[in-house]
C-alpha atoms as a PDB file:
ATOM      1  CA  UNK A   1       0.000   0.000   0.000  1.00  0.00           C
ATOM      2  CA  UNK A   2       1.267   3.508  -0.884  1.00  0.00           C
ATOM      3  CA  UNK A   3       0.423   6.268   1.594  1.00  0.00           C
ATOM      4  CA  UNK A   4      -0.101   9.852   0.427  1.00  0.00           C
ATOM      5  CA  UNK A   5       2.400  12.277   1.916  1.00  0.00           C
ATOM      6  CA  UNK A   6       1.516  15.951   2.322  1.00  0.00           C
ATOM      7  CA  UNK A   7       2.976  18.659   0.159  1.00  0.00           C
ATOM      8  CA  UNK A   8       3.617  21.154   2.938  1.00  0.00           C
ATOM      9  CA  UNK A   9       4.873  23.816   0.588  1.00  0.00           C
ATOM     10  CA  UNK A  10       1.433  24.059  -1.067  1.00  0.00           C
ATOM     11  CA  UNK A  11      -0.749  23.679   1.995  1.00  0.00           C
ATOM     12  CA  UNK A  12      -3.944  25.709   2.127  1.00  0.00           C
ATOM     13  CA  UNK A  13      -3.400  29.255   3.195  1.00  0.00           C
ATOM     14  CA  UNK A  14      -4.588  30.070   6.681  1.00  0.00           C
ATOM     15  CA  UNK A  15      -4.316  26.507   8.052  1.00  0.00           C
ATOM     16  CA  UNK A  16      -1.732  26.329  10.874  1.00  0.00           C
ATOM     17  CA  UNK A  17       1.129  23.897  10.314  1.00  0.00           C
ATOM     18  CA  UNK A  18       0.460  21.743  13.411  1.00  0.00           C
ATOM     19  CA  UNK A  19      -3.231  21.330  12.487  1.00  0.00           C
ATOM     20  CA  UNK A  20      -2.268  20.415   8.938  1.00  0.00           C
ATOM     21  CA  UNK A  21       0.146  17.708  10.153  1.00  0.00           C
ATOM     22  CA  UNK A  22      -2.379  16.355  12.633  1.00  0.00           C
ATOM     23  CA  UNK A  23      -4.885  15.838   9.818  1.00  0.00           C
ATOM     24  CA  UNK A  24      -2.288  14.047   7.710  1.00  0.00           C
ATOM     25  CA  UNK A  25      -1.196  11.785  10.604  1.00  0.00           C
ATOM     26  CA  UNK A  26      -4.817  10.841  11.379  1.00  0.00           C
ATOM     27  CA  UNK A  27      -5.377   9.888   7.742  1.00  0.00           C
ATOM     28  CA  UNK A  28      -2.204   7.786   7.754  1.00  0.00           C
ATOM     29  CA  UNK A  29      -3.286   5.908  10.873  1.00  0.00           C
ATOM     30  CA  UNK A  30      -6.693   5.119   9.388  1.00  0.00           C
ATOM     31  CA  UNK A  31      -5.058   3.838   6.210  1.00  0.00           C
ATOM     32  CA  UNK A  32      -2.665   1.621   8.155  1.00  0.00           C
ATOM     33  CA  UNK A  33      -5.480   0.170  10.279  1.00  0.00           C
ATOM     34  CA  UNK A  34      -7.353  -0.732   7.119  1.00  0.00           C
ATOM     35  CA  UNK A  35      -4.496  -2.896   5.763  1.00  0.00           C
ATOM     36  CA  UNK A  36      -5.638  -6.496   5.199  1.00  0.00           C
ATOM     37  CA  UNK A  37      -4.700  -9.162   7.757  1.00  0.00           C
ATOM     38  CA  UNK A  38      -2.461 -10.880   5.210  1.00  0.00           C
ATOM     39  CA  UNK A  39      -0.100  -7.912   5.475  1.00  0.00           C
ATOM     40  CA  UNK A  40       0.208  -8.317   9.245  1.00  0.00           C
ATOM     41  CA  UNK A  41       3.390  -9.747  10.736  1.00  0.00           C
ATOM     42  CA  UNK A  42       3.949 -13.367   9.709  1.00  0.00           C
ATOM     43  CA  UNK A  43       4.372 -15.942  12.504  1.00  0.00           C
ATOM     44  CA  UNK A  44       7.637 -17.816  12.023  1.00  0.00           C
ATOM     45  CA  UNK A  45       8.235 -21.135  13.825  1.00  0.00           C
ATOM     46  CA  UNK A  46      11.583 -22.950  13.861  1.00  0.00           C
ATOM     47  CA  UNK A  47      11.620 -26.702  13.242  1.00  0.00           C
ATOM     48  CA  UNK A  48      15.009 -28.303  13.954  1.00  0.00           C
ATOM     49  CA  UNK A  49      15.968 -31.923  13.327  1.00  0.00           C
ATOM     50  CA  UNK A  50      19.140 -33.929  12.748  1.00  0.00           C
ATOM     51  CA  UNK A  51      18.156 -36.002   9.690  1.00  0.00           C
ATOM     52  CA  UNK A  52      19.245 -35.494   6.087  1.00  0.00           C
ATOM     53  CA  UNK A  53      16.511 -33.985   3.922  1.00  0.00           C
ATOM     54  CA  UNK A  54      16.478 -37.198   1.870  1.00  0.00           C
ATOM     55  CA  UNK A  55      15.509 -39.287   4.925  1.00  0.00           C
ATOM     56  CA  UNK A  56      11.824 -39.895   5.661  1.00  0.00           C
ATOM     57  CA  UNK A  57      11.934 -37.446   8.587  1.00  0.00           C
ATOM     58  CA  UNK A  58      13.448 -34.727   6.420  1.00  0.00           C
ATOM     59  CA  UNK A  59      10.837 -35.328   3.728  1.00  0.00           C
ATOM     60  CA  UNK A  60       7.963 -35.322   6.224  1.00  0.00           C
ATOM     61  CA  UNK A  61       9.217 -32.127   7.885  1.00  0.00           C
ATOM     62  CA  UNK A  62       9.298 -30.355   4.515  1.00  0.00           C
ATOM     63  CA  UNK A  63       5.832 -31.698   3.682  1.00  0.00           C
ATOM     64  CA  UNK A  64       4.515 -30.312   6.972  1.00  0.00           C
ATOM     65  CA  UNK A  65       6.034 -26.878   6.256  1.00  0.00           C
ATOM     66  CA  UNK A  66       4.365 -26.814   2.833  1.00  0.00           C
ATOM     67  CA  UNK A  67       0.981 -27.769   4.281  1.00  0.00           C
ATOM     68  CA  UNK A  68       1.175 -25.140   7.044  1.00  0.00           C
ATOM     69  CA  UNK A  69       1.881 -22.472   4.431  1.00  0.00           C
ATOM     70  CA  UNK A  70      -1.079 -23.723   2.391  1.00  0.00           C
ATOM     71  CA  UNK A  71      -3.601 -24.027   5.235  1.00  0.00           C
ATOM     72  CA  UNK A  72      -2.725 -20.697   6.885  1.00  0.00           C
ATOM     73  CA  UNK A  73      -2.487 -18.787   3.581  1.00  0.00           C
ATOM     74  CA  UNK A  74       1.102 -17.914   4.422  1.00  0.00           C
ATOM     75  CA  UNK A  75       0.270 -16.433   7.840  1.00  0.00           C
ATOM     76  CA  UNK A  76       2.436 -19.062   9.545  1.00  0.00           C
ATOM     77  CA  UNK A  77       5.844 -20.020   8.171  1.00  0.00           C
ATOM     78  CA  UNK A  78       7.766 -23.101   9.270  1.00  0.00           C
ATOM     79  CA  UNK A  79      11.519 -22.677   8.930  1.00  0.00           C
ATOM     80  CA  UNK A  80      13.051 -26.155   8.737  1.00  0.00           C
ATOM     81  CA  UNK A  81      16.662 -26.674   9.846  1.00  0.00           C
ATOM     82  CA  UNK A  82      17.816 -30.224   8.938  1.00  0.00           C
ATOM     83  CA  UNK A  83      21.106 -31.946   9.653  1.00  0.00           C
ATOM     84  CA  UNK A  84      21.484 -30.797  13.269  1.00  0.00           C
ATOM     85  CA  UNK A  85      22.129 -27.170  12.254  1.00  0.00           C
ATOM     86  CA  UNK A  86      20.532 -25.598  15.342  1.00  0.00           C
ATOM     87  CA  UNK A  87      20.433 -28.194  18.098  1.00  0.00           C
ATOM     88  CA  UNK A  88      22.335 -31.449  18.787  1.00  0.00           C
ATOM     89  CA  UNK A  89      20.178 -34.568  18.608  1.00  0.00           C
ATOM     90  CA  UNK A  90      20.273 -35.261  22.339  1.00  0.00           C
ATOM     91  CA  UNK A  91      19.240 -31.684  23.203  1.00  0.00           C
ATOM     92  CA  UNK A  92      16.153 -31.439  20.984  1.00  0.00           C
ATOM     93  CA  UNK A  93      13.562 -32.277  23.657  1.00  0.00           C
ATOM     94  CA  UNK A  94      15.083 -29.830  26.131  1.00  0.00           C
ATOM     95  CA  UNK A  95      15.297 -27.137  23.446  1.00  0.00           C
ATOM     96  CA  UNK A  96      11.654 -27.438  22.388  1.00  0.00           C
ATOM     97  CA  UNK A  97      10.466 -27.563  26.016  1.00  0.00           C
ATOM     98  CA  UNK A  98      12.368 -24.333  26.772  1.00  0.00           C
ATOM     99  CA  UNK A  99      11.213 -22.613  23.590  1.00  0.00           C
ATOM    100  CA  UNK A 100      14.686 -22.346  22.047  1.00  0.00           C
ATOM    101  CA  UNK A 101      13.075 -23.976  19.030  1.00  0.00           C
ATOM    102  CA  UNK A 102       9.360 -24.324  18.382  1.00  0.00           C
ATOM    103  CA  UNK A 103       9.051 -27.754  16.786  1.00  0.00           C
ATOM    104  CA  UNK A 104      11.114 -30.936  16.861  1.00  0.00           C
ATOM    105  CA  UNK A 105      10.831 -34.608  15.974  1.00  0.00           C
ATOM    106  CA  UNK A 106      13.350 -36.409  18.222  1.00  0.00           C
ATOM    107  CA  UNK A 107      13.940 -40.130  17.973  1.00  0.00           C
ATOM    108  CA  UNK A 108      11.273 -41.815  20.071  1.00  0.00           C
ATOM    109  CA  UNK A 109      13.746 -43.455  22.458  1.00  0.00           C
ATOM    110  CA  UNK A 110      14.756 -40.023  23.774  1.00  0.00           C
ATOM    111  CA  UNK A 111      11.250 -39.526  25.203  1.00  0.00           C
ATOM    112  CA  UNK A 112      11.781 -42.371  27.664  1.00  0.00           C
ATOM    113  CA  UNK A 113      13.537 -39.806  29.863  1.00  0.00           C
ATOM    114  CA  UNK A 114      10.107 -38.222  30.343  1.00  0.00           C
ATOM    115  CA  UNK A 115       8.010 -41.390  30.378  1.00  0.00           C
ATOM    116  CA  UNK A 116       9.528 -44.870  30.318  1.00  0.00           C
ATOM    117  CA  UNK A 117       6.459 -46.180  28.505  1.00  0.00           C
ATOM    118  CA  UNK A 118       8.155 -44.975  25.299  1.00  0.00           C
ATOM    119  CA  UNK A 119      10.637 -47.853  25.730  1.00  0.00           C
ATOM    120  CA  UNK A 120       7.914 -50.195  24.496  1.00  0.00           C
ATOM    121  CA  UNK A 121       8.849 -49.256  20.935  1.00  0.00           C
ATOM    122  CA  UNK A 122      12.285 -50.827  21.446  1.00  0.00           C
ATOM    123  CA  UNK A 123      11.243 -54.204  22.780  1.00  0.00           C
ATOM    124  CA  UNK A 124      13.071 -56.731  20.546  1.00  0.00           C
ATOM    125  CA  UNK A 125      10.928 -59.197  18.578  1.00  0.00           C
ATOM    126  CA  UNK A 126       7.676 -57.564  19.778  1.00  0.00           C
ATOM    127  CA  UNK A 127       6.381 -56.223  16.481  1.00  0.00           C
ATOM    128  CA  UNK A 128       5.595 -58.823  13.854  1.00  0.00           C
ATOM    129  CA  UNK A 129       6.006 -56.442  10.900  1.00  0.00           C
ATOM    130  CA  UNK A 130       6.411 -52.750   9.992  1.00  0.00           C
ATOM    131  CA  UNK A 131       2.674 -52.675   9.149  1.00  0.00           C
ATOM    132  CA  UNK A 132       1.877 -53.839  12.664  1.00  0.00           C
ATOM    133  CA  UNK A 133       4.045 -51.060  14.091  1.00  0.00           C
ATOM    134  CA  UNK A 134       2.455 -48.387  11.887  1.00  0.00           C
ATOM    135  CA  UNK A 135      -0.989 -49.322  13.196  1.00  0.00           C
ATOM    136  CA  UNK A 136       0.273 -49.117  16.786  1.00  0.00           C
ATOM    137  CA  UNK A 137       1.774 -45.661  16.182  1.00  0.00           C
ATOM    138  CA  UNK A 138      -1.503 -44.330  14.799  1.00  0.00           C
ATOM    139  CA  UNK A 139      -3.762 -45.959  17.382  1.00  0.00           C
ATOM    140  CA  UNK A 140      -4.604 -45.546  21.087  1.00  0.00           C
ATOM    141  CA  UNK A 141      -1.133 -46.564  22.282  1.00  0.00           C
ATOM    142  CA  UNK A 142       0.488 -43.853  20.162  1.00  0.00           C
ATOM    143  CA  UNK A 143      -1.984 -41.260  21.458  1.00  0.00           C
ATOM    144  CA  UNK A 144      -1.324 -42.397  25.037  1.00  0.00           C
ATOM    145  CA  UNK A 145       2.421 -41.893  24.600  1.00  0.00           C
ATOM    146  CA  UNK A 146       1.974 -38.418  23.102  1.00  0.00           C
ATOM    147  CA  UNK A 147      -0.360 -37.328  25.901  1.00  0.00           C
ATOM    148  CA  UNK A 148       2.342 -38.144  28.478  1.00  0.00           C
ATOM    149  CA  UNK A 149       4.415 -35.187  27.230  1.00  0.00           C
ATOM    150  CA  UNK A 150       1.953 -32.430  28.158  1.00  0.00           C
ATOM    151  CA  UNK A 151       3.383 -31.941  31.659  1.00  0.00           C
ATOM    152  CA  UNK A 152       6.679 -30.751  30.152  1.00  0.00           C
ATOM    153  CA  UNK A 153       5.262 -27.850  28.154  1.00  0.00           C
ATOM    154  CA  UNK A 154       5.234 -29.935  24.983  1.00  0.00           C
ATOM    155  CA  UNK A 155       2.244 -30.808  22.821  1.00  0.00           C
ATOM    156  CA  UNK A 156       2.454 -34.122  20.965  1.00  0.00           C
ATOM    157  CA  UNK A 157       1.325 -33.889  17.347  1.00  0.00           C
ATOM    158  CA  UNK A 158       2.046 -37.380  16.065  1.00  0.00           C
ATOM    159  CA  UNK A 159       4.522 -40.245  15.851  1.00  0.00           C
ATOM    160  CA  UNK A 160       6.315 -40.466  12.526  1.00  0.00           C
ATOM    161  CA  UNK A 161       7.351 -43.880  11.329  1.00  0.00           C
ATOM    162  CA  UNK A 162      10.922 -44.513  10.244  1.00  0.00           C
ATOM    163  CA  UNK A 163      11.388 -48.240   9.918  1.00  0.00           C
ATOM    164  CA  UNK A 164      12.360 -51.487  11.636  1.00  0.00           C
ATOM    165  CA  UNK A 165      15.459 -51.409  13.826  1.00  0.00           C
ATOM    166  CA  UNK A 166      17.963 -53.877  12.374  1.00  0.00           C
ATOM    167  CA  UNK A 167      21.447 -54.881  13.495  1.00  0.00           C
ATOM    168  CA  UNK A 168      24.132 -53.653  11.081  1.00  0.00           C
ATOM    169  CA  UNK A 169      27.782 -54.647  11.315  1.00  0.00           C
ATOM    170  CA  UNK A 170      31.232 -54.363   9.847  1.00  0.00           C
ATOM    171  CA  UNK A 171      32.033 -57.835   8.567  1.00  0.00           C
ATOM    172  CA  UNK A 172      29.734 -60.851   8.297  1.00  0.00           C
ATOM    173  CA  UNK A 173      26.080 -60.654   9.429  1.00  0.00           C
ATOM    174  CA  UNK A 174      25.521 -61.252  13.135  1.00  0.00           C
ATOM    175  CA  UNK A 175      23.363 -64.365  12.988  1.00  0.00           C
ATOM    176  CA  UNK A 176      23.126 -65.289  16.690  1.00  0.00           C
ATOM    177  CA  UNK A 177      23.549 -63.569  20.073  1.00  0.00           C
ATOM    178  CA  UNK A 178      26.913 -65.220  20.729  1.00  0.00           C
ATOM    179  CA  UNK A 179      28.400 -63.338  17.772  1.00  0.00           C
ATOM    180  CA  UNK A 180      27.616 -60.035  19.521  1.00  0.00           C
ATOM    181  CA  UNK A 181      30.097 -60.716  22.328  1.00  0.00           C
ATOM    182  CA  UNK A 182      32.807 -58.035  22.396  1.00  0.00           C
ATOM    183  CA  UNK A 183      31.086 -55.874  19.794  1.00  0.00           C
ATOM    184  CA  UNK A 184      30.801 -52.087  20.198  1.00  0.00           C
ATOM    185  CA  UNK A 185      27.249 -51.317  19.126  1.00  0.00           C
ATOM    186  CA  UNK A 186      26.065 -47.783  18.503  1.00  0.00           C
ATOM    187  CA  UNK A 187      22.432 -47.232  19.434  1.00  0.00           C
ATOM    188  CA  UNK A 188      20.125 -44.434  20.437  1.00  0.00           C
ATOM    189  CA  UNK A 189      19.575 -44.404  24.227  1.00  0.00           C
ATOM    190  CA  UNK A 190      17.233 -47.278  25.111  1.00  0.00           C
ATOM    191  CA  UNK A 191      17.071 -49.255  28.359  1.00  0.00           C
ATOM    192  CA  UNK A 192      15.689 -52.447  26.788  1.00  0.00           C
ATOM    193  CA  UNK A 193      18.275 -52.494  23.998  1.00  0.00           C
ATOM    194  CA  UNK A 194      21.058 -51.779  26.486  1.00  0.00           C
ATOM    195  CA  UNK A 195      19.812 -54.771  28.523  1.00  0.00           C
ATOM    196  CA  UNK A 196      19.818 -56.928  25.375  1.00  0.00           C
ATOM    197  CA  UNK A 197      23.404 -55.984  24.552  1.00  0.00           C
ATOM    198  CA  UNK A 198      24.515 -56.572  28.142  1.00  0.00           C
ATOM    199  CA  UNK A 199      22.937 -60.040  28.069  1.00  0.00           C
ATOM    200  CA  UNK A 200      24.838 -60.728  24.823  1.00  0.00           C
ATOM    201  CA  UNK A 201      28.084 -59.353  26.377  1.00  0.00           C
ATOM    202  CA  UNK A 202      28.336 -56.509  23.886  1.00  0.00           C
ATOM    203  CA  UNK A 203      29.067 -52.865  24.681  1.00  0.00           C
ATOM    204  CA  UNK A 204      26.541 -50.147  23.896  1.00  0.00           C
ATOM    205  CA  UNK A 205      27.963 -46.907  22.496  1.00  0.00           C
ATOM    206  CA  UNK A 206      25.982 -43.662  22.576  1.00  0.00           C
ATOM    207  CA  UNK A 207      26.969 -41.347  19.731  1.00  0.00           C
ATOM    208  CA  UNK A 208      24.892 -38.600  18.040  1.00  0.00           C
ATOM    209  CA  UNK A 209      23.625 -39.715  14.638  1.00  0.00           C
ATOM    210  CA  UNK A 210      25.630 -37.027  12.864  1.00  0.00           C
ATOM    211  CA  UNK A 211      28.892 -38.527  14.245  1.00  0.00           C
ATOM    212  CA  UNK A 212      28.249 -42.225  13.579  1.00  0.00           C
ATOM    213  CA  UNK A 213      29.907 -42.384  10.143  1.00  0.00           C
ATOM    214  CA  UNK A 214      33.223 -41.127  11.542  1.00  0.00           C
ATOM    215  CA  UNK A 215      32.919 -43.341  14.629  1.00  0.00           C
ATOM    216  CA  UNK A 216      32.559 -46.408  12.401  1.00  0.00           C
ATOM    217  CA  UNK A 217      35.537 -45.335  10.308  1.00  0.00           C
ATOM    218  CA  UNK A 218      37.701 -44.865  13.396  1.00  0.00           C
ATOM    219  CA  UNK A 219      36.600 -48.055  15.160  1.00  0.00           C
ATOM    220  CA  UNK A 220      34.824 -46.326  18.034  1.00  0.00           C
ATOM    221  CA  UNK A 221      31.870 -48.506  17.003  1.00  0.00           C
ATOM    222  CA  UNK A 222      31.767 -51.596  14.792  1.00  0.00           C
ATOM    223  CA  UNK A 223      28.019 -52.266  14.723  1.00  0.00           C
ATOM    224  CA  UNK A 224      24.831 -50.196  14.741  1.00  0.00           C
ATOM    225  CA  UNK A 225      21.249 -50.772  15.814  1.00  0.00           C
ATOM    226  CA  UNK A 226      19.312 -48.528  13.439  1.00  0.00           C
ATOM    227  CA  UNK A 227      16.819 -48.479  10.597  1.00  0.00           C
ATOM    228  CA  UNK A 228      17.610 -49.049   6.923  1.00  0.00           C
ATOM    229  CA  UNK A 229      15.713 -45.855   6.236  1.00  0.00           C
ATOM    230  CA  UNK A 230      18.275 -43.879   8.215  1.00  0.00           C
ATOM    231  CA  UNK A 231      21.393 -45.878   7.371  1.00  0.00           C
ATOM    232  CA  UNK A 232      20.764 -45.484   3.632  1.00  0.00           C
ATOM    233  CA  UNK A 233      20.395 -41.692   3.381  1.00  0.00           C
ATOM    234  CA  UNK A 234      23.271 -41.266   5.858  1.00  0.00           C
ATOM    235  CA  UNK A 235      25.439 -43.514   3.616  1.00  0.00           C
ATOM    236  CA  UNK A 236      26.500 -45.687   6.538  1.00  0.00           C
ATOM    237  CA  UNK A 237      26.682 -48.581   4.069  1.00  0.00           C
ATOM    238  CA  UNK A 238      30.045 -47.125   3.057  1.00  0.00           C
ATOM    239  CA  UNK A 239      31.422 -48.237   6.444  1.00  0.00           C
ATOM    240  CA  UNK A 240      29.046 -51.136   7.233  1.00  0.00           C
ATOM    241  CA  UNK A 241      28.931 -54.364   5.235  1.00  0.00           C
ATOM    242  CA  UNK A 242      26.028 -56.450   6.583  1.00  0.00           C
ATOM    243  CA  UNK A 243      22.591 -56.230   8.143  1.00  0.00           C
ATOM    244  CA  UNK A 244      20.422 -58.723  10.060  1.00  0.00           C
ATOM    245  CA  UNK A 245      16.698 -58.352   9.369  1.00  0.00           C
ATOM    246  CA  UNK A 246      15.298 -58.910  12.852  1.00  0.00           C
ATOM    247  CA  UNK A 247      13.020 -56.323  14.427  1.00  0.00           C
ATOM    248  CA  UNK A 248      14.931 -55.169  17.497  1.00  0.00           C
ATOM    249  CA  UNK A 249      12.405 -52.354  17.748  1.00  0.00           C
ATOM    250  CA  UNK A 250      10.648 -49.788  15.643  1.00  0.00           C
ATOM    251  CA  UNK A 251      12.353 -46.536  14.776  1.00  0.00           C
ATOM    252  CA  UNK A 252      10.285 -43.402  14.741  1.00  0.00           C
ATOM    253  CA  UNK A 253      10.061 -39.789  15.800  1.00  0.00           C
ATOM    254  CA  UNK A 254       7.890 -37.965  18.307  1.00  0.00           C
ATOM    255  CA  UNK A 255       6.549 -34.941  16.404  1.00  0.00           C
ATOM    256  CA  UNK A 256       6.101 -32.193  19.023  1.00  0.00           C
ATOM    257  CA  UNK A 257       5.605 -28.450  19.400  1.00  0.00           C
ATOM    258  CA  UNK A 258       6.287 -26.085  22.289  1.00  0.00           C
ATOM    259  CA  UNK A 259       2.880 -25.539  23.919  1.00  0.00           C
ATOM    260  CA  UNK A 260       3.375 -21.775  24.295  1.00  0.00           C
ATOM    261  CA  UNK A 261       4.349 -21.443  20.639  1.00  0.00           C
ATOM    262  CA  UNK A 262       1.138 -23.227  19.691  1.00  0.00           C
ATOM    263  CA  UNK A 263      -0.960 -21.025  21.985  1.00  0.00           C
ATOM    264  CA  UNK A 264       0.354 -17.858  20.304  1.00  0.00           C
ATOM    265  CA  UNK A 265      -1.422 -18.772  17.078  1.00  0.00           C
ATOM    266  CA  UNK A 266      -4.847 -17.338  16.364  1.00  0.00           C
ATOM    267  CA  UNK A 267      -7.738 -19.847  16.275  1.00  0.00           C
ATOM    268  CA  UNK A 268      -7.639 -19.850  12.461  1.00  0.00           C
ATOM    269  CA  UNK A 269      -3.859 -20.273  12.360  1.00  0.00           C
ATOM    270  CA  UNK A 270      -3.974 -23.051  14.958  1.00  0.00           C
ATOM    271  CA  UNK A 271      -6.641 -24.923  12.997  1.00  0.00           C
ATOM    272  CA  UNK A 272      -4.507 -24.762   9.849  1.00  0.00           C
ATOM    273  CA  UNK A 273      -1.387 -25.769  11.773  1.00  0.00           C
ATOM    274  CA  UNK A 274      -3.042 -28.829  13.344  1.00  0.00           C
ATOM    275  CA  UNK A 275      -4.628 -29.855  10.042  1.00  0.00           C
ATOM    276  CA  UNK A 276      -1.183 -29.726   8.449  1.00  0.00           C
ATOM    277  CA  UNK A 277       0.290 -31.787  11.312  1.00  0.00           C
ATOM    278  CA  UNK A 278      -2.364 -34.502  10.915  1.00  0.00           C
ATOM    279  CA  UNK A 279      -1.958 -34.656   7.138  1.00  0.00           C
ATOM    280  CA  UNK A 280       1.852 -34.716   7.319  1.00  0.00           C
ATOM    281  CA  UNK A 281       1.671 -37.619   9.796  1.00  0.00           C
ATOM    282  CA  UNK A 282      -0.783 -39.453   7.515  1.00  0.00           C
ATOM    283  CA  UNK A 283       1.539 -38.831   4.544  1.00  0.00           C
ATOM    284  CA  UNK A 284       4.415 -40.289   6.573  1.00  0.00           C
ATOM    285  CA  UNK A 285       2.430 -43.476   7.238  1.00  0.00           C
ATOM    286  CA  UNK A 286       1.487 -43.776   3.573  1.00  0.00           C
ATOM    287  CA  UNK A 287       5.121 -43.485   2.494  1.00  0.00           C
ATOM    288  CA  UNK A 288       6.616 -45.714   5.194  1.00  0.00           C
ATOM    289  CA  UNK A 289       6.431 -49.166   3.594  1.00  0.00           C
ATOM    290  CA  UNK A 290       7.637 -48.083   0.162  1.00  0.00           C
ATOM    291  CA  UNK A 291      10.389 -46.064   1.840  1.00  0.00           C
ATOM    292  CA  UNK A 292      11.581 -49.127   3.780  1.00  0.00           C
ATOM    293  CA  UNK A 293      11.604 -51.251   0.620  1.00  0.00           C
ATOM    294  CA  UNK A 294      13.463 -48.536  -1.286  1.00  0.00           C
ATOM    295  CA  UNK A 295      16.297 -48.206   1.218  1.00  0.00           C
ATOM    296  CA  UNK A 296      16.637 -51.940   1.810  1.00  0.00           C
ATOM    297  CA  UNK A 297      17.128 -52.355  -1.944  1.00  0.00           C
ATOM    298  CA  UNK A 298      19.478 -49.376  -2.097  1.00  0.00           C
ATOM    299  CA  UNK A 299      21.673 -50.862   0.616  1.00  0.00           C
ATOM    300  CA  UNK A 300      21.769 -54.253  -1.111  1.00  0.00           C
ATOM    301  CA  UNK A 301      22.516 -52.674  -4.493  1.00  0.00           C
ATOM    302  CA  UNK A 302      25.410 -50.812  -2.904  1.00  0.00           C
ATOM    303  CA  UNK A 303      27.124 -53.849  -1.436  1.00  0.00           C
ATOM    304  CA  UNK A 304      25.415 -54.527   1.902  1.00  0.00           C
ATOM    305  CA  UNK A 305      24.833 -58.234   2.646  1.00  0.00           C
ATOM    306  CA  UNK A 306      21.418 -58.952   4.170  1.00  0.00           C
ATOM    307  CA  UNK A 307      20.698 -61.868   6.517  1.00  0.00           C
ATOM    308  CA  UNK A 308      17.043 -62.875   7.057  1.00  0.00           C
ATOM    309  CA  UNK A 309      16.647 -65.359   9.941  1.00  0.00           C
ATOM    310  CA  UNK A 310      14.207 -68.247   9.917  1.00  0.00           C
ATOM    311  CA  UNK A 311      11.986 -69.148  12.873  1.00  0.00           C
ATOM    312  CA  UNK A 312      14.643 -71.355  14.478  1.00  0.00           C
ATOM    313  CA  UNK A 313      17.289 -68.656  14.209  1.00  0.00           C
ATOM    314  CA  UNK A 314      14.903 -66.079  15.655  1.00  0.00           C
ATOM    315  CA  UNK A 315      14.304 -68.419  18.590  1.00  0.00           C
ATOM    316  CA  UNK A 316      17.974 -68.167  19.562  1.00  0.00           C
ATOM    317  CA  UNK A 317      17.485 -64.442  20.122  1.00  0.00           C
ATOM    318  CA  UNK A 318      14.510 -64.875  22.443  1.00  0.00           C
ATOM    319  CA  UNK A 319      16.645 -65.240  25.589  1.00  0.00           C
ATOM    320  CA  UNK A 320      18.307 -61.850  25.136  1.00  0.00           C
ATOM    321  CA  UNK A 321      14.929 -60.384  24.121  1.00  0.00           C
ATOM    322  CA  UNK A 322      13.570 -61.620  27.452  1.00  0.00           C
ATOM    323  CA  UNK A 323      16.397 -59.759  29.213  1.00  0.00           C
ATOM    324  CA  UNK A 324      15.290 -56.582  27.439  1.00  0.00           C
ATOM    325  CA  UNK A 325      11.701 -57.090  28.577  1.00  0.00           C
ATOM    326  CA  UNK A 326      12.821 -57.593  32.172  1.00  0.00           C
ATOM    327  CA  UNK A 327      14.367 -54.107  32.043  1.00  0.00           C
ATOM    328  CA  UNK A 328      11.064 -52.502  30.997  1.00  0.00           C
ATOM    329  CA  UNK A 329       8.978 -50.436  33.422  1.00  0.00           C
ATOM    330  CA  UNK A 330       5.644 -51.804  34.656  1.00  0.00           C
ATOM    331  CA  UNK A 331       3.773 -49.341  32.428  1.00  0.00           C
ATOM    332  CA  UNK A 332       5.768 -50.437  29.399  1.00  0.00           C
ATOM    333  CA  UNK A 333       5.140 -54.105  30.213  1.00  0.00           C
ATOM    334  CA  UNK A 334       1.398 -53.409  30.273  1.00  0.00           C
ATOM    335  CA  UNK A 335       1.650 -51.859  26.805  1.00  0.00           C
ATOM    336  CA  UNK A 336       3.712 -54.833  25.591  1.00  0.00           C
ATOM    337  CA  UNK A 337       0.851 -57.121  26.609  1.00  0.00           C
ATOM    338  CA  UNK A 338      -1.619 -54.932  24.688  1.00  0.00           C
ATOM    339  CA  UNK A 339       0.539 -55.014  21.578  1.00  0.00           C
ATOM    340  CA  UNK A 340       0.899 -58.787  21.707  1.00  0.00           C
ATOM    341  CA  UNK A 341      -2.883 -59.093  21.828  1.00  0.00           C
ATOM    342  CA  UNK A 342      -3.118 -57.059  18.602  1.00  0.00           C
ATOM    343  CA  UNK A 343      -0.733 -59.247  16.604  1.00  0.00           C
END
């Protein structure tokens, strides 16, 4: 909008200067007040995550940003910062709770520091398939886990699916628990998986995802519990040579927003924001299975050797899986029972 400015040199004769300026200022204020809402200050929210943009989390984050722009007519802008640009992986929950960033999608195992029920997602051999896990994420158990975050100033928006947690290694595939002895296994923090590795006499190594490639090169770790959908985009296959297709858990991300940041939105903006969050989470679920298949094939095509155990071979892992379950909280054990009933 262009505002008229007074030509003081040609003002009407006999009108005092201060009265003339007052009239002009009043007109300017009225014109400014009449500006459409679209020209008001845009709300900008920061979304930080550690994943590459090619990973399913990076893709889903960008999809969410596009949908927010669409459903708020540009009134709310999501600035996405991938690759750990703003916040280290292990600090994301703390950062979003404090309002240093507005939105995050930390790996689900990190939420067990708030509520140990989240450990249920990392119970080895619990989920019968990725499809089974996707249904759990989207159902009452997923909603229950998200609701547990509200006491920390965080609003849960959804659980994004990544993929099955497999055991990757340098060297031959690890076919039985005895072959884990002495291994240095990188994993995201998880009590049940730590208990599994301890039972197998392996050492768990906690390293931020952005540092794993170098750690594998330097021998700080020689194995990784992770998803093919993260290992592929991160190019960990360049330093890993094999993968065992057993579901040691289900990788995913808790999609959350700072509650105060959400409350600052107008009712219309909030409705558009939440609609975008629901649709981005639905898009993630729709893409999950094809994404898993894509990255499993990519890893195989680029030299990774896959091992798929039969029922007898899986049975050998049950003892260490039982050790993981023994380390679960009572609340998590109750959820484990529910999940088994839905298989």
